[in-house]
N, C-alpha and C. Protein backbone atom coordinates (compact mmCIF):
# COMPACT_ATOMS: atom_id res chain seq x y z
N UNK A 1 -9.32 17.99 -16.30
CA UNK A 1 -9.80 19.27 -16.25
C UNK A 1 -9.31 19.88 -15.02
N UNK A 2 -9.30 19.16 -13.86
CA UNK A 2 -8.99 19.75 -12.59
C UNK A 2 -7.47 20.10 -12.83
N UNK A 3 -6.63 19.35 -13.50
CA UNK A 3 -5.15 19.54 -13.61
C UNK A 3 -5.03 20.94 -14.36
N UNK A 4 -5.75 21.10 -15.34
CA UNK A 4 -5.75 22.24 -16.28
C UNK A 4 -6.01 23.58 -15.41
N UNK A 5 -7.16 23.27 -14.65
CA UNK A 5 -7.60 24.48 -13.79
C UNK A 5 -6.61 24.89 -12.71
N UNK A 6 -5.84 23.75 -12.24
CA UNK A 6 -4.77 24.09 -11.22
C UNK A 6 -3.66 24.78 -11.72
N UNK A 7 -3.28 24.38 -13.03
CA UNK A 7 -2.12 24.99 -13.69
C UNK A 7 -2.44 26.41 -14.02
N UNK A 8 -3.81 26.63 -14.24
CA UNK A 8 -4.17 28.11 -14.47
C UNK A 8 -4.40 28.89 -13.29
N UNK A 9 -4.22 28.39 -12.21
CA UNK A 9 -3.99 29.04 -10.92
C UNK A 9 -5.24 28.81 -9.86
N UNK A 10 -6.10 27.89 -10.18
CA UNK A 10 -7.36 27.70 -9.35
C UNK A 10 -6.87 26.66 -8.42
N UNK A 11 -6.57 27.13 -7.10
CA UNK A 11 -6.13 26.19 -6.02
C UNK A 11 -7.33 25.36 -5.48
N UNK A 12 -8.45 25.76 -5.59
CA UNK A 12 -9.54 24.89 -5.19
C UNK A 12 -9.63 23.69 -6.02
N UNK A 13 -9.20 23.67 -7.27
CA UNK A 13 -9.18 22.57 -8.06
C UNK A 13 -8.05 21.57 -7.58
N UNK A 14 -6.91 22.03 -7.16
CA UNK A 14 -6.10 21.07 -6.67
C UNK A 14 -6.45 20.60 -5.42
N UNK A 15 -7.17 21.35 -4.60
CA UNK A 15 -7.87 20.75 -3.36
C UNK A 15 -8.72 19.53 -3.72
N UNK A 16 -9.38 19.62 -4.65
CA UNK A 16 -10.24 18.68 -5.28
C UNK A 16 -9.42 17.38 -5.68
N UNK A 17 -8.45 17.62 -6.26
CA UNK A 17 -7.48 16.61 -6.71
C UNK A 17 -6.93 15.75 -5.59
N UNK A 18 -6.54 16.65 -4.46
CA UNK A 18 -5.92 15.95 -3.29
C UNK A 18 -7.07 15.10 -2.56
N UNK A 19 -8.27 15.68 -2.57
CA UNK A 19 -9.34 14.97 -1.87
C UNK A 19 -9.53 13.56 -2.69
N UNK A 20 -9.55 13.72 -3.98
CA UNK A 20 -9.82 12.47 -4.74
C UNK A 20 -8.88 11.36 -4.59
N UNK A 21 -7.56 11.79 -4.52
CA UNK A 21 -6.50 10.78 -4.36
C UNK A 21 -5.82 10.53 -3.16
N UNK A 22 -6.09 11.23 -2.12
CA UNK A 22 -5.47 11.24 -0.88
C UNK A 22 -5.55 9.84 -0.22
N UNK A 23 -6.59 9.27 -0.15
CA UNK A 23 -6.76 7.88 0.51
C UNK A 23 -5.95 6.80 -0.30
N UNK A 24 -6.07 6.88 -1.63
CA UNK A 24 -5.21 5.80 -2.30
C UNK A 24 -3.72 6.06 -2.10
N UNK A 25 -3.20 7.41 -2.08
CA UNK A 25 -1.76 7.62 -1.98
C UNK A 25 -1.43 7.23 -0.47
N UNK A 26 -2.20 7.50 0.51
CA UNK A 26 -1.83 7.00 1.82
C UNK A 26 -1.83 5.54 1.97
N UNK A 27 -2.85 4.81 1.32
CA UNK A 27 -2.69 3.36 1.34
C UNK A 27 -1.55 2.85 0.71
N UNK A 28 -1.14 3.42 -0.43
CA UNK A 28 0.04 3.08 -1.13
C UNK A 28 1.28 3.32 -0.28
N UNK A 29 1.45 4.46 0.33
CA UNK A 29 2.67 4.75 1.17
C UNK A 29 2.51 3.84 2.37
N UNK A 30 1.43 3.64 2.99
CA UNK A 30 1.31 2.80 4.17
C UNK A 30 1.76 1.41 3.89
N UNK A 31 1.77 0.75 2.61
CA UNK A 31 2.26 -0.48 2.26
C UNK A 31 3.69 -0.39 2.27
N UNK A 32 4.39 0.63 2.05
CA UNK A 32 5.83 0.80 2.02
C UNK A 32 6.38 1.26 3.34
N UNK A 33 5.72 1.92 4.03
CA UNK A 33 6.37 2.44 5.24
C UNK A 33 5.91 1.82 6.57
N UNK A 34 4.76 1.49 6.74
CA UNK A 34 4.14 0.83 7.89
C UNK A 34 4.29 1.71 9.25
N UNK A 35 4.62 3.07 9.02
CA UNK A 35 4.59 3.91 10.20
C UNK A 35 3.64 4.93 10.05
N UNK A 36 2.56 4.80 10.83
CA UNK A 36 1.38 5.69 10.77
C UNK A 36 1.84 7.22 10.74
N UNK A 37 2.74 7.45 11.63
CA UNK A 37 3.16 8.86 11.84
C UNK A 37 3.67 9.45 10.52
N UNK A 38 4.64 8.37 9.88
CA UNK A 38 5.24 9.00 8.66
C UNK A 38 4.29 8.96 7.45
N UNK A 39 3.35 8.17 7.38
CA UNK A 39 2.44 8.04 6.13
C UNK A 39 1.85 9.44 5.81
N UNK A 40 1.30 9.97 7.02
CA UNK A 40 0.73 11.36 6.76
C UNK A 40 1.59 12.34 6.17
N UNK A 41 2.88 12.34 6.89
CA UNK A 41 3.85 13.23 6.35
C UNK A 41 4.26 13.20 4.75
N UNK A 42 4.58 11.87 4.52
CA UNK A 42 5.05 11.64 3.20
C UNK A 42 3.82 11.88 2.25
N UNK A 43 2.63 11.53 2.61
CA UNK A 43 1.49 11.87 1.73
C UNK A 43 1.39 13.37 1.48
N UNK A 44 1.55 14.12 2.48
CA UNK A 44 1.55 15.61 2.32
C UNK A 44 2.58 16.09 1.62
N UNK A 45 3.85 15.62 1.72
CA UNK A 45 5.12 15.99 0.92
C UNK A 45 4.78 15.56 -0.58
N UNK A 46 4.16 14.44 -0.85
CA UNK A 46 3.86 14.01 -2.11
C UNK A 46 3.01 15.03 -2.81
N UNK A 47 1.96 15.56 -2.11
CA UNK A 47 0.99 16.49 -2.77
C UNK A 47 1.64 17.83 -2.94
N UNK A 48 2.62 18.12 -2.13
CA UNK A 48 3.26 19.46 -2.25
C UNK A 48 4.26 19.29 -3.40
N UNK A 49 4.85 18.21 -3.53
CA UNK A 49 5.78 17.95 -4.68
C UNK A 49 5.04 18.04 -6.05
N UNK A 50 3.96 17.31 -5.97
CA UNK A 50 3.16 17.20 -7.27
C UNK A 50 2.64 18.59 -7.67
N UNK A 51 2.15 19.34 -6.66
CA UNK A 51 1.66 20.77 -7.10
C UNK A 51 2.75 21.57 -7.67
N UNK A 52 4.08 21.53 -7.06
CA UNK A 52 5.03 22.32 -7.62
C UNK A 52 5.47 21.76 -9.01
N UNK A 53 5.29 20.48 -9.21
CA UNK A 53 5.73 20.01 -10.57
C UNK A 53 4.58 19.97 -11.58
N UNK A 54 3.39 20.25 -11.17
CA UNK A 54 2.31 20.23 -12.00
C UNK A 54 2.35 20.86 -13.40
N UNK A 55 3.07 21.87 -13.36
CA UNK A 55 3.12 22.63 -14.81
C UNK A 55 4.15 21.79 -15.71
N UNK A 56 4.79 20.79 -15.20
CA UNK A 56 5.61 19.91 -16.06
C UNK A 56 4.87 18.59 -16.46
N UNK A 57 3.66 18.44 -15.88
CA UNK A 57 2.78 17.31 -16.11
C UNK A 57 2.28 17.38 -17.67
N UNK A 58 2.71 16.44 -18.43
CA UNK A 58 2.42 16.44 -19.90
C UNK A 58 1.18 15.79 -20.34
N UNK A 59 0.66 15.07 -19.41
CA UNK A 59 -0.54 14.30 -19.81
C UNK A 59 -0.49 13.03 -20.54
N UNK A 60 0.89 12.58 -20.62
CA UNK A 60 1.25 11.33 -21.40
C UNK A 60 0.62 10.10 -20.57
N UNK A 61 0.63 10.20 -19.44
CA UNK A 61 -0.06 9.16 -18.56
C UNK A 61 -1.18 9.70 -17.79
N UNK A 62 -1.94 8.79 -17.14
CA UNK A 62 -2.90 9.33 -16.16
C UNK A 62 -2.47 10.02 -15.01
N UNK A 63 -3.18 10.92 -14.60
CA UNK A 63 -2.70 11.77 -13.49
C UNK A 63 -2.35 10.97 -12.21
N UNK A 64 -3.11 9.85 -11.98
CA UNK A 64 -2.78 9.09 -10.79
C UNK A 64 -1.49 8.34 -10.91
N UNK A 65 -1.20 7.93 -12.12
CA UNK A 65 0.09 7.14 -12.44
C UNK A 65 1.14 8.26 -12.14
N UNK A 66 1.17 9.33 -12.60
CA UNK A 66 2.17 10.36 -12.42
C UNK A 66 2.20 10.65 -10.84
N UNK A 67 1.16 10.75 -10.19
CA UNK A 67 1.16 11.10 -8.78
C UNK A 67 1.74 9.76 -8.04
N UNK A 68 1.52 8.63 -8.59
CA UNK A 68 1.86 7.41 -7.82
C UNK A 68 3.45 7.45 -7.96
N UNK A 69 4.11 7.72 -9.03
CA UNK A 69 5.54 7.84 -9.22
C UNK A 69 6.20 8.76 -8.15
N UNK A 70 5.42 10.04 -7.97
CA UNK A 70 5.89 10.84 -6.98
C UNK A 70 5.84 10.51 -5.60
N UNK A 71 4.74 9.84 -5.26
CA UNK A 71 4.54 9.12 -3.95
C UNK A 71 5.63 8.11 -3.56
N UNK A 72 5.93 7.29 -4.63
CA UNK A 72 6.82 6.27 -4.42
C UNK A 72 8.27 6.95 -4.26
N UNK A 73 8.70 7.83 -4.98
CA UNK A 73 9.79 8.48 -5.02
C UNK A 73 10.02 9.25 -3.57
N UNK A 74 8.89 9.88 -3.17
CA UNK A 74 8.98 10.65 -1.89
C UNK A 74 9.12 9.77 -0.84
N UNK A 75 8.41 8.53 -0.81
CA UNK A 75 8.51 7.55 0.35
C UNK A 75 9.98 7.03 0.32
N UNK A 76 10.57 6.69 -0.81
CA UNK A 76 11.90 6.15 -0.79
C UNK A 76 12.94 7.23 -0.40
N UNK A 77 12.85 8.29 -0.67
CA UNK A 77 13.62 9.48 -0.37
C UNK A 77 13.52 9.71 1.26
N UNK A 78 12.29 9.67 1.72
CA UNK A 78 12.14 9.89 3.19
C UNK A 78 12.76 8.81 3.99
N UNK A 79 12.48 7.48 3.42
CA UNK A 79 13.14 6.30 4.12
C UNK A 79 14.67 6.37 4.09
N UNK A 80 15.18 6.84 3.06
CA UNK A 80 16.61 6.96 2.90
C UNK A 80 17.16 8.05 3.77
N UNK A 81 16.41 9.14 3.93
CA UNK A 81 16.76 10.23 4.81
C UNK A 81 16.76 9.72 6.33
N UNK A 82 15.88 8.86 6.70
CA UNK A 82 15.83 8.48 8.04
C UNK A 82 16.52 7.08 8.21
N UNK A 83 17.26 6.58 7.13
CA UNK A 83 17.87 5.40 7.26
C UNK A 83 17.25 4.26 7.93
N UNK A 84 15.85 4.04 7.55
CA UNK A 84 15.07 3.11 8.15
C UNK A 84 14.90 1.93 7.26
N UNK A 85 14.55 0.82 7.74
CA UNK A 85 14.12 -0.27 6.96
C UNK A 85 12.64 0.02 6.43
N UNK A 86 12.38 -0.03 5.04
CA UNK A 86 11.15 0.35 4.57
C UNK A 86 9.97 -0.46 5.15
N UNK A 87 10.24 -1.65 5.58
CA UNK A 87 9.06 -2.49 6.15
C UNK A 87 8.85 -2.56 7.68
N UNK A 88 9.78 -2.08 8.36
CA UNK A 88 9.59 -2.15 9.81
C UNK A 88 10.06 -0.85 10.32
N UNK A 89 9.17 -0.17 11.16
CA UNK A 89 9.56 1.12 11.68
C UNK A 89 9.11 1.00 13.37
N UNK A 90 9.59 2.15 13.98
CA UNK A 90 9.28 2.14 15.33
C UNK A 90 7.88 2.08 15.72
N UNK A 91 7.05 2.93 14.94
CA UNK A 91 5.68 2.83 15.25
C UNK A 91 5.00 1.54 14.86
N UNK A 92 5.47 0.89 13.95
CA UNK A 92 4.90 -0.39 13.63
C UNK A 92 5.28 -1.51 14.67
N UNK A 93 6.32 -1.37 15.31
CA UNK A 93 6.77 -2.33 16.35
C UNK A 93 6.02 -2.17 17.63
N UNK A 94 5.61 -0.78 17.96
CA UNK A 94 4.87 -0.37 19.11
C UNK A 94 3.54 -1.12 19.18
N UNK A 95 3.09 -1.74 20.37
CA UNK A 95 1.81 -2.27 20.42
C UNK A 95 0.65 -1.19 20.47
N UNK A 96 -0.30 -1.36 19.82
CA UNK A 96 -1.39 -0.50 19.93
C UNK A 96 -2.44 -1.17 20.65
N UNK A 97 -3.56 -0.29 21.18
CA UNK A 97 -4.60 -0.79 21.98
C UNK A 97 -5.30 -1.90 21.22
N UNK A 98 -5.26 -1.79 19.83
CA UNK A 98 -6.05 -2.77 19.17
C UNK A 98 -5.44 -4.20 19.19
N UNK A 99 -4.18 -4.24 19.36
CA UNK A 99 -3.39 -5.53 19.45
C UNK A 99 -3.62 -6.28 20.58
N UNK A 100 -4.13 -5.64 21.73
CA UNK A 100 -4.30 -6.14 22.97
C UNK A 100 -5.43 -7.06 23.03
N UNK A 101 -5.31 -8.39 23.45
CA UNK A 101 -6.50 -9.25 23.36
C UNK A 101 -7.48 -8.87 24.30
N UNK A 102 -7.44 -8.00 25.28
CA UNK A 102 -8.34 -7.54 26.26
C UNK A 102 -9.14 -6.35 25.62
N UNK A 103 -8.60 -5.77 24.54
CA UNK A 103 -9.19 -4.58 24.01
C UNK A 103 -10.64 -4.93 23.46
N UNK A 104 -11.61 -4.10 23.78
CA UNK A 104 -12.99 -4.26 23.34
C UNK A 104 -13.58 -2.96 23.11
N UNK A 105 -14.13 -2.77 21.90
CA UNK A 105 -14.86 -1.54 21.41
C UNK A 105 -16.48 -1.91 21.27
N UNK A 106 -17.05 -0.95 22.00
CA UNK A 106 -18.52 -1.32 22.03
C UNK A 106 -19.23 -1.35 20.70
N UNK A 107 -18.62 -0.58 19.71
CA UNK A 107 -19.27 -0.59 18.41
C UNK A 107 -18.91 -1.60 17.57
N UNK A 108 -18.07 -2.46 18.00
CA UNK A 108 -17.62 -3.54 17.16
C UNK A 108 -18.73 -4.66 17.03
N UNK A 109 -19.03 -5.14 15.89
CA UNK A 109 -20.14 -6.24 15.82
C UNK A 109 -19.59 -7.52 16.50
N UNK A 110 -20.48 -8.31 17.05
CA UNK A 110 -20.07 -9.53 17.50
C UNK A 110 -20.26 -10.41 16.32
N UNK A 111 -19.56 -11.62 16.51
CA UNK A 111 -19.62 -12.62 15.54
C UNK A 111 -19.52 -14.04 15.96
N UNK A 112 -19.98 -14.95 15.22
CA UNK A 112 -19.98 -16.38 15.85
C UNK A 112 -18.69 -17.01 15.78
N UNK A 113 -17.62 -16.26 15.49
CA UNK A 113 -16.37 -16.91 15.43
C UNK A 113 -15.81 -17.40 16.73
N UNK A 114 -15.21 -18.59 16.70
CA UNK A 114 -14.61 -19.18 18.05
C UNK A 114 -13.18 -18.49 18.24
N UNK A 115 -12.76 -18.62 19.44
CA UNK A 115 -11.39 -18.21 19.63
C UNK A 115 -10.38 -18.80 18.59
N UNK A 116 -10.67 -20.02 18.35
CA UNK A 116 -9.74 -20.81 17.43
C UNK A 116 -9.76 -20.29 16.09
N UNK A 117 -10.89 -19.82 15.53
CA UNK A 117 -10.87 -19.44 14.21
C UNK A 117 -10.31 -17.95 14.15
N UNK A 118 -10.54 -17.11 15.19
CA UNK A 118 -9.91 -15.78 15.19
C UNK A 118 -8.60 -15.87 15.33
N UNK A 119 -7.96 -16.76 16.20
CA UNK A 119 -6.56 -17.03 16.34
C UNK A 119 -5.87 -17.30 14.88
N UNK A 120 -6.48 -18.49 14.32
CA UNK A 120 -6.06 -18.84 12.98
C UNK A 120 -6.14 -17.77 11.98
N UNK A 121 -7.20 -16.90 11.98
CA UNK A 121 -7.24 -15.81 11.12
C UNK A 121 -6.20 -14.73 11.28
N UNK A 122 -5.87 -14.55 12.59
CA UNK A 122 -4.64 -13.61 12.98
C UNK A 122 -3.32 -14.04 12.34
N UNK A 123 -3.22 -15.46 12.53
CA UNK A 123 -1.95 -16.16 12.23
C UNK A 123 -1.71 -16.00 10.73
N UNK A 124 -2.81 -16.35 10.01
CA UNK A 124 -2.76 -16.20 8.50
C UNK A 124 -2.59 -14.89 8.00
N UNK A 125 -3.10 -13.90 8.69
CA UNK A 125 -2.99 -12.45 8.36
C UNK A 125 -1.49 -12.06 8.55
N UNK A 126 -1.10 -12.51 9.72
CA UNK A 126 0.39 -12.19 10.02
C UNK A 126 1.33 -12.82 9.13
N UNK A 127 1.08 -14.07 8.68
CA UNK A 127 1.97 -14.81 7.65
C UNK A 127 1.94 -14.11 6.41
N UNK A 128 0.78 -13.66 5.94
CA UNK A 128 0.60 -12.90 4.74
C UNK A 128 1.53 -11.59 4.82
N UNK A 129 1.31 -10.91 5.95
CA UNK A 129 2.06 -9.60 6.01
C UNK A 129 3.45 -9.83 6.05
N UNK A 130 3.87 -10.87 6.76
CA UNK A 130 5.32 -11.20 6.88
C UNK A 130 5.89 -11.51 5.46
N UNK A 131 5.04 -12.44 4.70
CA UNK A 131 5.42 -12.85 3.47
C UNK A 131 5.67 -11.46 2.47
N UNK A 132 4.75 -10.55 2.53
CA UNK A 132 4.72 -9.49 1.75
C UNK A 132 6.06 -8.58 2.11
N UNK A 133 6.23 -8.45 3.45
CA UNK A 133 7.36 -7.74 3.94
C UNK A 133 8.68 -8.26 3.45
N UNK A 134 8.77 -9.63 3.21
CA UNK A 134 10.01 -10.39 2.90
C UNK A 134 10.15 -10.28 1.49
N UNK A 135 9.20 -9.95 0.57
CA UNK A 135 9.36 -9.84 -0.93
C UNK A 135 10.29 -8.63 -1.15
N UNK A 136 11.16 -8.95 -2.29
CA UNK A 136 11.90 -7.79 -2.81
C UNK A 136 10.87 -6.66 -3.15
N UNK A 137 11.35 -5.41 -3.28
CA UNK A 137 10.48 -4.19 -3.62
C UNK A 137 9.63 -4.29 -4.75
N UNK A 138 10.29 -4.77 -5.90
CA UNK A 138 9.66 -4.84 -7.21
C UNK A 138 8.43 -5.74 -7.11
N UNK A 139 8.67 -7.00 -6.44
CA UNK A 139 7.56 -7.99 -6.47
C UNK A 139 6.50 -7.50 -5.56
N UNK A 140 6.82 -6.91 -4.36
CA UNK A 140 5.93 -6.40 -3.40
C UNK A 140 4.99 -5.16 -4.16
N UNK A 141 5.75 -4.43 -4.80
CA UNK A 141 5.03 -3.24 -5.44
C UNK A 141 3.99 -3.88 -6.55
N UNK A 142 4.50 -4.80 -7.24
CA UNK A 142 3.64 -5.34 -8.41
C UNK A 142 2.49 -5.91 -7.82
N UNK A 143 2.45 -6.90 -6.79
CA UNK A 143 1.34 -7.61 -6.22
C UNK A 143 0.55 -6.61 -5.56
N UNK A 144 1.00 -5.52 -4.87
CA UNK A 144 0.20 -4.60 -4.30
C UNK A 144 -0.73 -3.89 -5.18
N UNK A 145 -0.08 -3.49 -6.21
CA UNK A 145 -0.79 -2.72 -7.27
C UNK A 145 -2.03 -3.58 -7.80
N UNK A 146 -1.70 -4.88 -8.02
CA UNK A 146 -2.55 -5.81 -8.64
C UNK A 146 -3.74 -6.18 -7.56
N UNK A 147 -3.37 -6.66 -6.41
CA UNK A 147 -4.27 -7.15 -5.47
C UNK A 147 -4.89 -6.25 -4.55
N UNK A 148 -4.15 -5.09 -4.19
CA UNK A 148 -4.88 -4.18 -3.15
C UNK A 148 -5.47 -3.00 -4.01
N UNK A 149 -4.66 -2.47 -5.05
CA UNK A 149 -5.14 -1.37 -5.75
C UNK A 149 -6.10 -1.66 -6.83
N UNK A 150 -6.06 -3.05 -7.25
CA UNK A 150 -6.95 -3.54 -8.38
C UNK A 150 -6.67 -3.02 -9.86
N UNK A 151 -5.28 -2.70 -9.95
CA UNK A 151 -4.86 -2.10 -11.27
C UNK A 151 -4.79 -3.20 -12.17
N UNK A 152 -4.94 -2.79 -13.52
CA UNK A 152 -4.81 -3.77 -14.66
C UNK A 152 -3.17 -3.90 -14.90
N UNK A 153 -2.85 -5.13 -15.52
CA UNK A 153 -1.45 -5.44 -15.87
C UNK A 153 -0.97 -4.31 -16.71
N UNK A 154 -1.59 -3.74 -17.60
CA UNK A 154 -1.24 -2.70 -18.49
C UNK A 154 -0.89 -1.53 -17.62
N UNK A 155 -1.61 -1.09 -16.80
CA UNK A 155 -1.40 0.03 -15.93
C UNK A 155 -0.28 -0.02 -14.97
N UNK A 156 -0.03 -1.22 -14.44
CA UNK A 156 1.11 -1.59 -13.59
C UNK A 156 2.42 -1.57 -14.48
N UNK A 157 2.29 -2.08 -15.80
CA UNK A 157 3.61 -1.92 -16.56
C UNK A 157 3.95 -0.51 -16.86
N UNK A 158 2.88 0.28 -17.12
CA UNK A 158 3.16 1.53 -17.41
C UNK A 158 3.80 2.36 -16.12
N UNK A 159 3.19 2.02 -15.01
CA UNK A 159 3.65 2.65 -13.80
C UNK A 159 5.00 2.09 -13.24
N UNK A 160 5.28 0.89 -13.40
CA UNK A 160 6.60 0.41 -13.11
C UNK A 160 7.61 0.48 -14.16
N UNK A 161 7.18 0.99 -15.27
CA UNK A 161 8.11 1.21 -16.56
C UNK A 161 8.87 0.01 -16.87
N UNK A 162 8.04 -1.16 -16.98
CA UNK A 162 8.68 -2.37 -17.49
C UNK A 162 7.64 -3.10 -18.39
N UNK A 163 8.22 -4.13 -19.07
CA UNK A 163 7.15 -4.78 -19.93
C UNK A 163 6.18 -5.44 -19.16
N UNK A 164 4.96 -5.79 -20.03
CA UNK A 164 3.88 -6.43 -19.17
C UNK A 164 4.14 -7.78 -18.82
N UNK A 165 5.01 -8.47 -19.55
CA UNK A 165 5.58 -9.91 -19.20
C UNK A 165 6.30 -9.86 -17.96
N UNK A 166 7.03 -8.85 -17.53
CA UNK A 166 7.78 -8.69 -16.42
C UNK A 166 6.80 -8.49 -15.21
N UNK A 167 5.81 -7.77 -15.46
CA UNK A 167 4.72 -7.54 -14.42
C UNK A 167 4.06 -8.86 -13.98
N UNK A 168 3.70 -9.59 -15.01
CA UNK A 168 3.08 -10.93 -14.83
C UNK A 168 4.04 -11.78 -14.05
N UNK A 169 5.31 -11.90 -14.42
CA UNK A 169 6.13 -12.67 -13.80
C UNK A 169 6.34 -12.33 -12.22
N UNK A 170 6.43 -11.01 -11.98
CA UNK A 170 6.64 -10.61 -10.61
C UNK A 170 5.45 -10.89 -9.95
N UNK A 171 4.34 -10.71 -10.37
CA UNK A 171 2.96 -10.95 -9.65
C UNK A 171 2.96 -12.55 -9.41
N UNK A 172 3.26 -13.26 -10.33
CA UNK A 172 3.35 -14.70 -10.16
C UNK A 172 4.27 -15.18 -9.05
N UNK A 173 5.54 -14.61 -9.06
CA UNK A 173 6.52 -14.91 -8.08
C UNK A 173 6.03 -14.54 -6.72
N UNK A 174 5.50 -13.36 -6.60
CA UNK A 174 5.02 -12.79 -5.29
C UNK A 174 3.85 -13.78 -4.76
N UNK A 175 3.02 -14.10 -5.56
CA UNK A 175 1.89 -15.10 -5.17
C UNK A 175 2.40 -16.31 -4.59
N UNK A 176 3.46 -16.91 -5.32
CA UNK A 176 4.08 -18.16 -4.98
C UNK A 176 4.75 -18.03 -3.71
N UNK A 177 5.46 -17.05 -3.45
CA UNK A 177 6.09 -16.69 -2.09
C UNK A 177 5.22 -16.56 -1.11
N UNK A 178 4.04 -15.88 -1.29
CA UNK A 178 2.94 -15.61 -0.16
C UNK A 178 2.47 -17.07 0.11
N UNK A 179 2.06 -17.71 -0.84
CA UNK A 179 1.48 -19.00 -0.84
C UNK A 179 2.21 -19.98 -0.06
N UNK A 180 3.56 -20.01 -0.28
CA UNK A 180 4.47 -20.85 0.52
C UNK A 180 4.54 -20.64 1.91
N UNK A 181 4.24 -19.46 2.33
CA UNK A 181 4.29 -19.09 3.75
C UNK A 181 2.88 -19.36 4.32
N UNK A 182 1.79 -19.21 3.57
CA UNK A 182 0.43 -19.29 4.19
C UNK A 182 -0.03 -20.77 4.15
N UNK A 183 0.45 -21.65 3.01
CA UNK A 183 -0.09 -22.96 2.89
C UNK A 183 -0.03 -23.86 4.19
N UNK A 184 1.16 -23.77 4.83
CA UNK A 184 1.22 -24.79 6.04
C UNK A 184 0.26 -24.47 7.10
N UNK A 185 -0.15 -23.16 7.27
CA UNK A 185 -1.07 -22.69 8.20
C UNK A 185 -2.61 -23.18 7.82
N UNK A 186 -2.74 -23.09 6.42
CA UNK A 186 -4.02 -23.58 6.04
C UNK A 186 -4.22 -25.09 5.97
N UNK A 187 -3.26 -25.86 5.81
CA UNK A 187 -3.16 -27.35 6.10
C UNK A 187 -3.62 -27.72 7.58
N UNK A 188 -3.04 -26.91 8.42
CA UNK A 188 -3.47 -27.20 9.77
C UNK A 188 -4.88 -26.96 10.36
N UNK A 189 -5.59 -26.27 9.30
CA UNK A 189 -6.93 -25.95 9.73
C UNK A 189 -7.89 -26.93 8.95
N UNK A 190 -7.82 -28.21 9.30
CA UNK A 190 -8.63 -29.18 8.55
C UNK A 190 -10.12 -28.91 8.92
N UNK A 191 -10.94 -29.02 7.98
CA UNK A 191 -12.35 -28.98 8.14
C UNK A 191 -12.87 -27.59 8.11
N UNK A 192 -11.95 -26.57 7.99
CA UNK A 192 -12.44 -25.12 8.01
C UNK A 192 -12.36 -24.57 6.70
N UNK A 193 -13.26 -23.61 6.38
CA UNK A 193 -13.09 -23.01 5.07
C UNK A 193 -12.40 -21.71 5.08
N UNK A 194 -11.47 -21.47 4.24
CA UNK A 194 -10.82 -20.21 4.16
C UNK A 194 -10.86 -19.63 2.81
């Protein structure tokens, strides 16, 4: 209904579409780009392109599926324009205040975690992120859609324009690759529950 209203000229309806999908699109782009500065720009460009192309939206797929393809293509084009590696960028390499072990925010809840468990959790998180970054784009995209976006195999197959068996295979291979990187860290954490 919002799409129809937007095509009819109601710009407030498109504003509602942007509000509804903005966070999901930013998270998706953030998994590809990892540059906070670029994520906002690419998301904005995605919504501009979608607005211009909205009269061509046939409704064959869900609106988010259509918007997702535009976001992926916009991110890829931007990365090609900047000739950057899609997984590592200058902003991602810069340390932030949050990465400094002396950083403390008063609003953060305290926890009974020991320094060892906090360090182990950071190492595991880092290993998962490195494993994700090392995956080929198609595997990374499939596992991100399934595990982070929570999409069904059918929706992923439609979005990636491939058979459902291929989606299942890609997700399996991605999980195996991630597991291979994380398993040694977990084995070193005897007696702890992860």
